[in-house]
Amino acid sequence: MASTLSKFKARALALPDVQKTYDELAEEFAFLDEVLKARMASGLTQAEVAELVGTTQSAIARLESPSSSHSPSVGTLQKYARALGCRVEIKFVKDARLTQRSSGSAKRTARRST
């Protein structure tokens, strides 16, 4: 039997606007999932990470929060990662949904520069 939360999610995602917003936030939630998995694997609390980084527990909570309007700098992410015994890797991955749009603008830019 499906849980109440699962039923609610299914009903909500059946609405086109909700599905669109959910899809748009997928990358952000994947990032936050990585951050939280890394901290859980380290066995450290937010307070312990804060002490290692040289900040407050509330700053770490904001970094780990999906509702934060502040995007941490690469430097902050590196400090956070080092406190967990990790390193940060940033990759640009081709997105099939965007390839058409970006390849067209790249061609226009190449034509203008010649």
PDB file of N, CA and C in Angstrom:
ATOM      1  N   MET A   1       0.838  -1.181   0.000  1.00  0.00           N
ATOM      2  CA  MET A   1       0.000   0.000   0.000  1.00  0.00           C
ATOM      3  C   MET A   1       0.888   1.251   0.000  1.00  0.00           C
ATOM      4  N   ALA A   2       0.605   2.181  -0.902  1.00  0.00           N
ATOM      5  CA  ALA A   2       1.396   3.397  -1.022  1.00  0.00           C
ATOM      6  C   ALA A   2       1.161   4.300   0.175  1.00  0.00           C
ATOM      7  N   SER A   3       2.217   4.975   0.587  1.00  0.00           N
ATOM      8  CA  SER A   3       2.088   5.891   1.721  1.00  0.00           C
ATOM      9  C   SER A   3       1.315   7.138   1.302  1.00  0.00           C
ATOM     10  N   THR A   4       0.861   7.865   2.288  1.00  0.00           N
ATOM     11  CA  THR A   4       0.146   9.110   2.044  1.00  0.00           C
ATOM     12  C   THR A   4       1.049  10.094   1.303  1.00  0.00           C
ATOM     13  N   LEU A   5       2.335  10.151   1.687  1.00  0.00           N
ATOM     14  CA  LEU A   5       3.276  11.037   1.017  1.00  0.00           C
ATOM     15  C   LEU A   5       3.446  10.654  -0.453  1.00  0.00           C
ATOM     16  N   SER A   6       3.555   9.363  -0.728  1.00  0.00           N
ATOM     17  CA  SER A   6       3.699   8.895  -2.114  1.00  0.00           C
ATOM     18  C   SER A   6       2.479   9.256  -2.950  1.00  0.00           C
ATOM     19  N   LYS A   7       1.310   9.110  -2.355  1.00  0.00           N
ATOM     20  CA  LYS A   7       0.072   9.464  -3.059  1.00  0.00           C
ATOM     21  C   LYS A   7       0.016  10.963  -3.328  1.00  0.00           C
ATOM     22  N   PHE A   8       0.382  11.743  -2.325  1.00  0.00           N
ATOM     23  CA  PHE A   8       0.383  13.190  -2.491  1.00  0.00           C
ATOM     24  C   PHE A   8       1.347  13.602  -3.599  1.00  0.00           C
ATOM     25  N   LYS A   9       2.550  13.015  -3.590  1.00  0.00           N
ATOM     26  CA  LYS A   9       3.562  13.341  -4.601  1.00  0.00           C
ATOM     27  C   LYS A   9       3.052  12.990  -5.995  1.00  0.00           C
ATOM     28  N   ALA A  10       2.460  11.843  -6.143  1.00  0.00           N
ATOM     29  CA  ALA A  10       1.929  11.424  -7.446  1.00  0.00           C
ATOM     30  C   ALA A  10       0.849  12.388  -7.936  1.00  0.00           C
ATOM     31  N   ARG A  11      -0.051  12.784  -7.049  1.00  0.00           N
ATOM     32  CA  ARG A  11      -1.109  13.735  -7.427  1.00  0.00           C
ATOM     33  C   ARG A  11      -0.513  15.095  -7.795  1.00  0.00           C
ATOM     34  N   ALA A  12       0.443  15.544  -7.007  1.00  0.00           N
ATOM     35  CA  ALA A  12       1.060  16.848  -7.255  1.00  0.00           C
ATOM     36  C   ALA A  12       1.817  16.846  -8.582  1.00  0.00           C
ATOM     37  N   LEU A  13       2.582  15.792  -8.833  1.00  0.00           N
ATOM     38  CA  LEU A  13       3.374  15.734 -10.062  1.00  0.00           C
ATOM     39  C   LEU A  13       2.519  15.525 -11.309  1.00  0.00           C
ATOM     40  N   ALA A  14       1.264  15.188 -11.133  1.00  0.00           N
ATOM     41  CA  ALA A  14       0.350  15.079 -12.275  1.00  0.00           C
ATOM     42  C   ALA A  14      -0.030  16.458 -12.799  1.00  0.00           C
ATOM     43  N   LEU A  15       0.194  17.491 -11.994  1.00  0.00           N
ATOM     44  CA  LEU A  15      -0.082  18.868 -12.405  1.00  0.00           C
ATOM     45  C   LEU A  15       1.121  19.390 -13.197  1.00  0.00           C
ATOM     46  N   PRO A  16       0.911  19.840 -14.428  1.00  0.00           N
ATOM     47  CA  PRO A  16       2.033  20.251 -15.287  1.00  0.00           C
ATOM     48  C   PRO A  16       2.956  21.305 -14.668  1.00  0.00           C
ATOM     49  N   ASP A  17       2.405  22.309 -14.001  1.00  0.00           N
ATOM     50  CA  ASP A  17       3.252  23.345 -13.403  1.00  0.00           C
ATOM     51  C   ASP A  17       4.109  22.793 -12.271  1.00  0.00           C
ATOM     52  N   VAL A  18       3.546  21.899 -11.481  1.00  0.00           N
ATOM     53  CA  VAL A  18       4.292  21.288 -10.379  1.00  0.00           C
ATOM     54  C   VAL A  18       5.398  20.411 -10.946  1.00  0.00           C
ATOM     55  N   GLN A  19       5.077  19.609 -11.963  1.00  0.00           N
ATOM     56  CA  GLN A  19       6.082  18.743 -12.585  1.00  0.00           C
ATOM     57  C   GLN A  19       7.227  19.569 -13.170  1.00  0.00           C
ATOM     58  N   LYS A  20       6.908  20.678 -13.816  1.00  0.00           N
ATOM     59  CA  LYS A  20       7.925  21.554 -14.415  1.00  0.00           C
ATOM     60  C   LYS A  20       8.851  22.112 -13.340  1.00  0.00           C
ATOM     61  N   THR A  21       8.290  22.614 -12.264  1.00  0.00           N
ATOM     62  CA  THR A  21       9.089  23.167 -11.169  1.00  0.00           C
ATOM     63  C   THR A  21       9.934  22.083 -10.516  1.00  0.00           C
ATOM     64  N   TYR A  22       9.349  20.921 -10.322  1.00  0.00           N
ATOM     65  CA  TYR A  22      10.066  19.781  -9.737  1.00  0.00           C
ATOM     66  C   TYR A  22      11.268  19.424 -10.607  1.00  0.00           C
ATOM     67  N   ASP A  23      11.068  19.362 -11.906  1.00  0.00           N
ATOM     68  CA  ASP A  23      12.154  19.036 -12.834  1.00  0.00           C
ATOM     69  C   ASP A  23      13.242  20.107 -12.818  1.00  0.00           C
ATOM     70  N   GLU A  24      12.834  21.374 -12.738  1.00  0.00           N
ATOM     71  CA  GLU A  24      13.798  22.474 -12.711  1.00  0.00           C
ATOM     72  C   GLU A  24      14.675  22.442 -11.459  1.00  0.00           C
ATOM     73  N   LEU A  25      14.150  21.910 -10.368  1.00  0.00           N
ATOM     74  CA  LEU A  25      14.892  21.850  -9.104  1.00  0.00           C
ATOM     75  C   LEU A  25      15.678  20.552  -8.925  1.00  0.00           C
ATOM     76  N   ALA A  26      15.571  19.644  -9.869  1.00  0.00           N
ATOM     77  CA  ALA A  26      16.206  18.332  -9.730  1.00  0.00           C
ATOM     78  C   ALA A  26      17.715  18.431  -9.503  1.00  0.00           C
ATOM     79  N   GLU A  27      18.403  19.293 -10.244  1.00  0.00           N
ATOM     80  CA  GLU A  27      19.856  19.424 -10.084  1.00  0.00           C
ATOM     81  C   GLU A  27      20.220  19.956  -8.702  1.00  0.00           C
ATOM     82  N   GLU A  28      19.465  20.929  -8.225  1.00  0.00           N
ATOM     83  CA  GLU A  28      19.738  21.487  -6.902  1.00  0.00           C
ATOM     84  C   GLU A  28      19.552  20.425  -5.818  1.00  0.00           C
ATOM     85  N   PHE A  29      18.491  19.653  -5.926  1.00  0.00           N
ATOM     86  CA  PHE A  29      18.252  18.606  -4.926  1.00  0.00           C
ATOM     87  C   PHE A  29      19.284  17.488  -5.030  1.00  0.00           C
ATOM     88  N   ALA A  30      19.761  17.194  -6.233  1.00  0.00           N
ATOM     89  CA  ALA A  30      20.819  16.191  -6.391  1.00  0.00           C
ATOM     90  C   ALA A  30      22.098  16.676  -5.715  1.00  0.00           C
ATOM     91  N   PHE A  31      22.409  17.972  -5.871  1.00  0.00           N
ATOM     92  CA  PHE A  31      23.576  18.555  -5.208  1.00  0.00           C
ATOM     93  C   PHE A  31      23.435  18.442  -3.686  1.00  0.00           C
ATOM     94  N   LEU A  32      22.279  18.850  -3.168  1.00  0.00           N
ATOM     95  CA  LEU A  32      22.059  18.793  -1.722  1.00  0.00           C
ATOM     96  C   LEU A  32      22.127  17.361  -1.203  1.00  0.00           C
ATOM     97  N   ASP A  33      21.640  16.420  -1.994  1.00  0.00           N
ATOM     98  CA  ASP A  33      21.714  15.014  -1.609  1.00  0.00           C
ATOM     99  C   ASP A  33      23.172  14.578  -1.472  1.00  0.00           C
ATOM    100  N   GLU A  34      24.029  15.014  -2.400  1.00  0.00           N
ATOM    101  CA  GLU A  34      25.456  14.689  -2.331  1.00  0.00           C
ATOM    102  C   GLU A  34      26.089  15.285  -1.073  1.00  0.00           C
ATOM    103  N   VAL A  35      25.757  16.539  -0.785  1.00  0.00           N
ATOM    104  CA  VAL A  35      26.300  17.223   0.388  1.00  0.00           C
ATOM    105  C   VAL A  35      25.910  16.465   1.663  1.00  0.00           C
ATOM    106  N   LEU A  36      24.638  16.134   1.777  1.00  0.00           N
ATOM    107  CA  LEU A  36      24.166  15.449   2.990  1.00  0.00           C
ATOM    108  C   LEU A  36      24.722  14.032   3.103  1.00  0.00           C
ATOM    109  N   LYS A  37      24.813  13.313   1.985  1.00  0.00           N
ATOM    110  CA  LYS A  37      25.400  11.964   2.018  1.00  0.00           C
ATOM    111  C   LYS A  37      26.854  12.019   2.481  1.00  0.00           C
ATOM    112  N   ALA A  38      27.598  13.013   1.998  1.00  0.00           N
ATOM    113  CA  ALA A  38      29.006  13.137   2.379  1.00  0.00           C
ATOM    114  C   ALA A  38      29.139  13.397   3.874  1.00  0.00           C
ATOM    115  N   ARG A  39      28.291  14.289   4.405  1.00  0.00           N
ATOM    116  CA  ARG A  39      28.380  14.566   5.844  1.00  0.00           C
ATOM    117  C   ARG A  39      27.972  13.352   6.669  1.00  0.00           C
ATOM    118  N   MET A  40      26.919  12.676   6.240  1.00  0.00           N
ATOM    119  CA  MET A  40      26.483  11.477   6.979  1.00  0.00           C
ATOM    120  C   MET A  40      27.580  10.405   6.955  1.00  0.00           C
ATOM    121  N   ALA A  41      28.230  10.241   5.798  1.00  0.00           N
ATOM    122  CA  ALA A  41      29.301   9.245   5.682  1.00  0.00           C
ATOM    123  C   ALA A  41      30.492   9.604   6.569  1.00  0.00           C
ATOM    124  N   SER A  42      30.709  10.899   6.786  1.00  0.00           N
ATOM    125  CA  SER A  42      31.823  11.333   7.632  1.00  0.00           C
ATOM    126  C   SER A  42      31.531  11.090   9.108  1.00  0.00           C
ATOM    127  N   GLY A  43      30.250  10.967   9.463  1.00  0.00           N
ATOM    128  CA  GLY A  43      29.871  10.766  10.854  1.00  0.00           C
ATOM    129  C   GLY A  43      29.905  12.035  11.683  1.00  0.00           C
ATOM    130  N   LEU A  44      30.018  13.187  11.003  1.00  0.00           N
ATOM    131  CA  LEU A  44      30.097  14.456  11.718  1.00  0.00           C
ATOM    132  C   LEU A  44      28.733  15.147  11.793  1.00  0.00           C
ATOM    133  N   THR A  45      28.529  15.889  12.856  1.00  0.00           N
ATOM    134  CA  THR A  45      27.330  16.715  12.991  1.00  0.00           C
ATOM    135  C   THR A  45      27.590  18.055  12.309  1.00  0.00           C
ATOM    136  N   GLN A  46      26.537  18.831  12.115  1.00  0.00           N
ATOM    137  CA  GLN A  46      26.705  20.172  11.567  1.00  0.00           C
ATOM    138  C   GLN A  46      27.628  21.004  12.465  1.00  0.00           C
ATOM    139  N   ALA A  47      27.467  20.877  13.754  1.00  0.00           N
ATOM    140  CA  ALA A  47      28.294  21.646  14.694  1.00  0.00           C
ATOM    141  C   ALA A  47      29.765  21.261  14.573  1.00  0.00           C
ATOM    142  N   GLU A  48      30.034  19.978  14.419  1.00  0.00           N
ATOM    143  CA  GLU A  48      31.421  19.526  14.276  1.00  0.00           C
ATOM    144  C   GLU A  48      32.035  20.019  12.966  1.00  0.00           C
ATOM    145  N   VAL A  49      31.259  19.990  11.883  1.00  0.00           N
ATOM    146  CA  VAL A  49      31.746  20.499  10.601  1.00  0.00           C
ATOM    147  C   VAL A  49      32.003  21.999  10.725  1.00  0.00           C
ATOM    148  N   ALA A  50      31.100  22.703  11.372  1.00  0.00           N
ATOM    149  CA  ALA A  50      31.251  24.148  11.553  1.00  0.00           C
ATOM    150  C   ALA A  50      32.553  24.474  12.279  1.00  0.00           C
ATOM    151  N   GLU A  51      32.844  23.720  13.315  1.00  0.00           N
ATOM    152  CA  GLU A  51      34.077  23.953  14.063  1.00  0.00           C
ATOM    153  C   GLU A  51      35.304  23.725  13.176  1.00  0.00           C
ATOM    154  N   LEU A  52      35.281  22.677  12.380  1.00  0.00           N
ATOM    155  CA  LEU A  52      36.409  22.382  11.488  1.00  0.00           C
ATOM    156  C   LEU A  52      36.571  23.437  10.394  1.00  0.00           C
ATOM    157  N   VAL A  53      35.454  23.964   9.921  1.00  0.00           N
ATOM    158  CA  VAL A  53      35.474  24.960   8.849  1.00  0.00           C
ATOM    159  C   VAL A  53      35.781  26.351   9.404  1.00  0.00           C
ATOM    160  N   GLY A  54      35.443  26.577  10.664  1.00  0.00           N
ATOM    161  CA  GLY A  54      35.641  27.895  11.265  1.00  0.00           C
ATOM    162  C   GLY A  54      34.437  28.800  11.074  1.00  0.00           C
ATOM    163  N   THR A  55      33.263  28.197  11.175  1.00  0.00           N
ATOM    164  CA  THR A  55      32.025  28.961  11.022  1.00  0.00           C
ATOM    165  C   THR A  55      31.031  28.494  12.077  1.00  0.00           C
ATOM    166  N   THR A  56      29.783  28.859  11.899  1.00  0.00           N
ATOM    167  CA  THR A  56      28.753  28.482  12.868  1.00  0.00           C
ATOM    168  C   THR A  56      27.923  27.309  12.349  1.00  0.00           C
ATOM    169  N   GLN A  57      27.253  26.634  13.270  1.00  0.00           N
ATOM    170  CA  GLN A  57      26.368  25.534  12.897  1.00  0.00           C
ATOM    171  C   GLN A  57      25.254  26.042  11.999  1.00  0.00           C
ATOM    172  N   SER A  58      24.755  27.244  12.263  1.00  0.00           N
ATOM    173  CA  SER A  58      23.662  27.774  11.445  1.00  0.00           C
ATOM    174  C   SER A  58      24.121  28.044  10.009  1.00  0.00           C
ATOM    175  N   ALA A  59      25.393  28.409   9.817  1.00  0.00           N
ATOM    176  CA  ALA A  59      25.920  28.604   8.454  1.00  0.00           C
ATOM    177  C   ALA A  59      25.976  27.274   7.715  1.00  0.00           C
ATOM    178  N   ILE A  60      26.339  26.218   8.412  1.00  0.00           N
ATOM    179  CA  ILE A  60      26.361  24.883   7.802  1.00  0.00           C
ATOM    180  C   ILE A  60      24.937  24.443   7.479  1.00  0.00           C
ATOM    181  N   ALA A  61      23.999  24.723   8.373  1.00  0.00           N
ATOM    182  CA  ALA A  61      22.591  24.379   8.121  1.00  0.00           C
ATOM    183  C   ALA A  61      22.084  25.089   6.870  1.00  0.00           C
ATOM    184  N   ARG A  62      22.452  26.357   6.688  1.00  0.00           N
ATOM    185  CA  ARG A  62      22.041  27.095   5.479  1.00  0.00           C
ATOM    186  C   ARG A  62      22.643  26.470   4.236  1.00  0.00           C
ATOM    187  N   LEU A  63      23.925  26.067   4.309  1.00  0.00           N
ATOM    188  CA  LEU A  63      24.588  25.438   3.169  1.00  0.00           C
ATOM    189  C   LEU A  63      23.864  24.144   2.770  1.00  0.00           C
ATOM    190  N   GLU A  64      23.351  23.424   3.758  1.00  0.00           N
ATOM    191  CA  GLU A  64      22.686  22.150   3.512  1.00  0.00           C
ATOM    192  C   GLU A  64      21.184  22.286   3.270  1.00  0.00           C
ATOM    193  N   SER A  65      20.683  23.490   3.238  1.00  0.00           N
ATOM    194  CA  SER A  65      19.245  23.707   3.144  1.00  0.00           C
ATOM    195  C   SER A  65      18.784  23.983   1.721  1.00  0.00           C
ATOM    196  N   PRO A  66      17.698  23.321   1.293  1.00  0.00           N
ATOM    197  CA  PRO A  66      17.166  23.601  -0.040  1.00  0.00           C
ATOM    198  C   PRO A  66      16.460  24.950  -0.113  1.00  0.00           C
ATOM    199  N   SER A  67      16.103  25.524   1.012  1.00  0.00           N
ATOM    200  CA  SER A  67      15.367  26.781   1.000  1.00  0.00           C
ATOM    201  C   SER A  67      16.278  27.997   1.069  1.00  0.00           C
ATOM    202  N   SER A  68      17.580  27.780   1.152  1.00  0.00           N
ATOM    203  CA  SER A  68      18.504  28.899   1.242  1.00  0.00           C
ATOM    204  C   SER A  68      18.582  29.628  -0.093  1.00  0.00           C
ATOM    205  N   SER A  69      18.534  30.938  -0.040  1.00  0.00           N
ATOM    206  CA  SER A  69      18.645  31.728  -1.271  1.00  0.00           C
ATOM    207  C   SER A  69      20.101  32.071  -1.566  1.00  0.00           C
ATOM    208  N   HIS A  70      20.998  31.673  -0.699  1.00  0.00           N
ATOM    209  CA  HIS A  70      22.421  31.949  -0.866  1.00  0.00           C
ATOM    210  C   HIS A  70      23.120  30.739  -1.472  1.00  0.00           C
ATOM    211  N   SER A  71      23.870  30.959  -2.526  1.00  0.00           N
ATOM    212  CA  SER A  71      24.671  29.888  -3.124  1.00  0.00           C
ATOM    213  C   SER A  71      26.080  29.983  -2.560  1.00  0.00           C
ATOM    214  N   PRO A  72      26.582  28.895  -1.987  1.00  0.00           N
ATOM    215  CA  PRO A  72      27.927  28.948  -1.408  1.00  0.00           C
ATOM    216  C   PRO A  72      28.988  29.100  -2.503  1.00  0.00           C
ATOM    217  N   SER A  73      30.079  29.753  -2.161  1.00  0.00           N
ATOM    218  CA  SER A  73      31.189  29.908  -3.105  1.00  0.00           C
ATOM    219  C   SER A  73      31.922  28.574  -3.243  1.00  0.00           C
ATOM    220  N   VAL A  74      32.731  28.476  -4.277  1.00  0.00           N
ATOM    221  CA  VAL A  74      33.545  27.275  -4.466  1.00  0.00           C
ATOM    222  C   VAL A  74      34.489  27.114  -3.276  1.00  0.00           C
ATOM    223  N   GLY A  75      35.038  28.221  -2.801  1.00  0.00           N
ATOM    224  CA  GLY A  75      35.928  28.166  -1.643  1.00  0.00           C
ATOM    225  C   GLY A  75      35.247  27.607  -0.403  1.00  0.00           C
ATOM    226  N   THR A  76      34.018  28.032  -0.174  1.00  0.00           N
ATOM    227  CA  THR A  76      33.254  27.522   0.971  1.00  0.00           C
ATOM    228  C   THR A  76      32.996  26.030   0.813  1.00  0.00           C
ATOM    229  N   LEU A  77      32.632  25.616  -0.395  1.00  0.00           N
ATOM    230  CA  LEU A  77      32.400  24.188  -0.637  1.00  0.00           C
ATOM    231  C   LEU A  77      33.679  23.382  -0.432  1.00  0.00           C
ATOM    232  N   GLN A  78      34.816  23.948  -0.829  1.00  0.00           N
ATOM    233  CA  GLN A  78      36.093  23.245  -0.628  1.00  0.00           C
ATOM    234  C   GLN A  78      36.413  23.093   0.857  1.00  0.00           C
ATOM    235  N   LYS A  79      36.181  24.131   1.643  1.00  0.00           N
ATOM    236  CA  LYS A  79      36.403  24.037   3.094  1.00  0.00           C
ATOM    237  C   LYS A  79      35.487  22.980   3.701  1.00  0.00           C
ATOM    238  N   TYR A  80      34.228  23.003   3.300  1.00  0.00           N
ATOM    239  CA  TYR A  80      33.244  22.030   3.789  1.00  0.00           C
ATOM    240  C   TYR A  80      33.703  20.613   3.434  1.00  0.00           C
ATOM    241  N   ALA A  81      34.084  20.425   2.183  1.00  0.00           N
ATOM    242  CA  ALA A  81      34.518  19.098   1.719  1.00  0.00           C
ATOM    243  C   ALA A  81      35.755  18.624   2.485  1.00  0.00           C
ATOM    244  N   ARG A  82      36.733  19.492   2.660  1.00  0.00           N
ATOM    245  CA  ARG A  82      37.953  19.104   3.400  1.00  0.00           C
ATOM    246  C   ARG A  82      37.621  18.697   4.828  1.00  0.00           C
ATOM    247  N   ALA A  83      36.674  19.389   5.457  1.00  0.00           N
ATOM    248  CA  ALA A  83      36.270  19.038   6.825  1.00  0.00           C
ATOM    249  C   ALA A  83      35.698  17.624   6.877  1.00  0.00           C
ATOM    250  N   LEU A  84      35.117  17.181   5.751  1.00  0.00           N
ATOM    251  CA  LEU A  84      34.530  15.837   5.681  1.00  0.00           C
ATOM    252  C   LEU A  84      35.522  14.800   5.172  1.00  0.00           C
ATOM    253  N   GLY A  85      36.737  15.245   4.839  1.00  0.00           N
ATOM    254  CA  GLY A  85      37.727  14.331   4.274  1.00  0.00           C
ATOM    255  C   GLY A  85      37.472  14.074   2.797  1.00  0.00           C
ATOM    256  N   CYS A  86      36.872  15.044   2.128  1.00  0.00           N
ATOM    257  CA  CYS A  86      36.532  14.917   0.703  1.00  0.00           C
ATOM    258  C   CYS A  86      37.166  16.057  -0.080  1.00  0.00           C
ATOM    259  N   ARG A  87      36.951  16.024  -1.379  1.00  0.00           N
ATOM    260  CA  ARG A  87      37.317  17.137  -2.237  1.00  0.00           C
ATOM    261  C   ARG A  87      36.141  17.419  -3.157  1.00  0.00           C
ATOM    262  N   VAL A  88      36.109  18.610  -3.712  1.00  0.00           N
ATOM    263  CA  VAL A  88      35.022  19.017  -4.596  1.00  0.00           C
ATOM    264  C   VAL A  88      35.426  18.754  -6.034  1.00  0.00           C
ATOM    265  N   GLU A  89      34.523  18.180  -6.803  1.00  0.00           N
ATOM    266  CA  GLU A  89      34.699  18.028  -8.238  1.00  0.00           C
ATOM    267  C   GLU A  89      33.552  18.744  -8.917  1.00  0.00           C
ATOM    268  N   ILE A  90      33.888  19.620  -9.845  1.00  0.00           N
ATOM    269  CA  ILE A  90      32.854  20.321 -10.602  1.00  0.00           C
ATOM    270  C   ILE A  90      33.000  19.895 -12.053  1.00  0.00           C
ATOM    271  N   LYS A  91      31.900  19.447 -12.643  1.00  0.00           N
ATOM    272  CA  LYS A  91      31.918  18.970 -14.026  1.00  0.00           C
ATOM    273  C   LYS A  91      30.826  19.668 -14.812  1.00  0.00           C
ATOM    274  N   PHE A  92      31.096  19.902 -16.077  1.00  0.00           N
ATOM    275  CA  PHE A  92      30.069  20.358 -16.997  1.00  0.00           C
ATOM    276  C   PHE A  92      29.687  19.150 -17.837  1.00  0.00           C
ATOM    277  N   VAL A  93      28.427  18.763 -17.749  1.00  0.00           N
ATOM    278  CA  VAL A  93      27.929  17.569 -18.423  1.00  0.00           C
ATOM    279  C   VAL A  93      26.922  17.996 -19.482  1.00  0.00           C
ATOM    280  N   LYS A  94      27.097  17.519 -20.700  1.00  0.00           N
ATOM    281  CA  LYS A  94      26.163  17.851 -21.774  1.00  0.00           C
ATOM    282  C   LYS A  94      24.763  17.435 -21.373  1.00  0.00           C
ATOM    283  N   ASP A  95      23.826  18.320 -21.611  1.00  0.00           N
ATOM    284  CA  ASP A  95      22.425  18.073 -21.314  1.00  0.00           C
ATOM    285  C   ASP A  95      21.697  17.999 -22.642  1.00  0.00           C
ATOM    286  N   ALA A  96      21.171  16.851 -22.969  1.00  0.00           N
ATOM    287  CA  ALA A  96      20.505  16.648 -24.258  1.00  0.00           C
ATOM    288  C   ALA A  96      19.380  17.640 -24.473  1.00  0.00           C
ATOM    289  N   ARG A  97      18.730  18.050 -23.401  1.00  0.00           N
ATOM    290  CA  ARG A  97      17.620  19.009 -23.534  1.00  0.00           C
ATOM    291  C   ARG A  97      18.124  20.374 -23.978  1.00  0.00           C
ATOM    292  N   LEU A  98      19.382  20.679 -23.699  1.00  0.00           N
ATOM    293  CA  LEU A  98      19.928  21.997 -24.004  1.00  0.00           C
ATOM    294  C   LEU A  98      20.875  21.996 -25.198  1.00  0.00           C
ATOM    295  N   THR A  99      21.257  20.841 -25.678  1.00  0.00           N
ATOM    296  CA  THR A  99      22.250  20.743 -26.749  1.00  0.00           C
ATOM    297  C   THR A  99      21.816  21.493 -27.997  1.00  0.00           C
ATOM    298  N   GLN A 100      20.574  21.355 -28.404  1.00  0.00           N
ATOM    299  CA  GLN A 100      20.074  22.044 -29.589  1.00  0.00           C
ATOM    300  C   GLN A 100      20.269  23.546 -29.453  1.00  0.00           C
ATOM    301  N   ARG A 101      19.872  24.077 -28.336  1.00  0.00           N
ATOM    302  CA  ARG A 101      19.927  25.515 -28.103  1.00  0.00           C
ATOM    303  C   ARG A 101      21.373  25.997 -28.046  1.00  0.00           C
ATOM    304  N   SER A 102      22.237  25.302 -27.298  1.00  0.00           N
ATOM    305  CA  SER A 102      23.605  25.773 -27.121  1.00  0.00           C
ATOM    306  C   SER A 102      24.438  25.573 -28.375  1.00  0.00           C
ATOM    307  N   SER A 103      24.206  24.522 -29.163  1.00  0.00           N
ATOM    308  CA  SER A 103      24.999  24.329 -30.370  1.00  0.00           C
ATOM    309  C   SER A 103      24.652  25.382 -31.407  1.00  0.00           C
ATOM    310  N   GLY A 104      23.412  25.807 -31.455  1.00  0.00           N
ATOM    311  CA  GLY A 104      23.014  26.863 -32.380  1.00  0.00           C
ATOM    312  C   GLY A 104      23.676  28.180 -32.034  1.00  0.00           C
ATOM    313  N   SER A 105      23.738  28.522 -30.748  1.00  0.00           N
ATOM    314  CA  SER A 105      24.362  29.789 -30.359  1.00  0.00           C
ATOM    315  C   SER A 105      25.868  29.716 -30.529  1.00  0.00           C
ATOM    316  N   ALA A 106      26.475  28.541 -30.360  1.00  0.00           N
ATOM    317  CA  ALA A 106      27.913  28.391 -30.567  1.00  0.00           C
ATOM    318  C   ALA A 106      28.257  28.609 -32.038  1.00  0.00           C
ATOM    319  N   LYS A 107      27.401  28.109 -32.931  1.00  0.00           N
ATOM    320  CA  LYS A 107      27.633  28.309 -34.365  1.00  0.00           C
ATOM    321  C   LYS A 107      27.527  29.786 -34.720  1.00  0.00           C
ATOM    322  N   ARG A 108      26.534  30.469 -34.145  1.00  0.00           N
ATOM    323  CA  ARG A 108      26.384  31.900 -34.415  1.00  0.00           C
ATOM    324  C   ARG A 108      27.600  32.668 -33.915  1.00  0.00           C
ATOM    325  N   THR A 109      28.103  32.329 -32.749  1.00  0.00           N
ATOM    326  CA  THR A 109      29.274  32.993 -32.174  1.00  0.00           C
ATOM    327  C   THR A 109      30.499  32.735 -33.042  1.00  0.00           C
ATOM    328  N   ALA A 110      30.670  31.504 -33.518  1.00  0.00           N
ATOM    329  CA  ALA A 110      31.814  31.163 -34.366  1.00  0.00           C
ATOM    330  C   ALA A 110      31.746  31.943 -35.677  1.00  0.00           C
ATOM    331  N   ARG A 111      30.555  32.094 -36.247  1.00  0.00           N
ATOM    332  CA  ARG A 111      30.418  32.842 -37.489  1.00  0.00           C
ATOM    333  C   ARG A 111      30.769  34.309 -37.293  1.00  0.00           C
ATOM    334  N   ARG A 112      30.377  34.874 -36.160  1.00  0.00           N
ATOM    335  CA  ARG A 112      30.650  36.284 -35.900  1.00  0.00           C
ATOM    336  C   ARG A 112      32.123  36.556 -35.700  1.00  0.00           C
ATOM    337  N   SER A 113      32.852  35.587 -35.145  1.00  0.00           N
ATOM    338  CA  SER A 113      34.265  35.824 -34.846  1.00  0.00           C
ATOM    339  C   SER A 113      35.170  35.633 -36.050  1.00  0.00           C
ATOM    340  N   THR A 114      34.643  35.133 -37.168  1.00  0.00           N
ATOM    341  CA  THR A 114      35.477  34.939 -38.352  1.00  0.00           C
ATOM    342  C   THR A 114      35.356  36.074 -39.325  1.00  0.00           C
TER     343      THR A 114
END
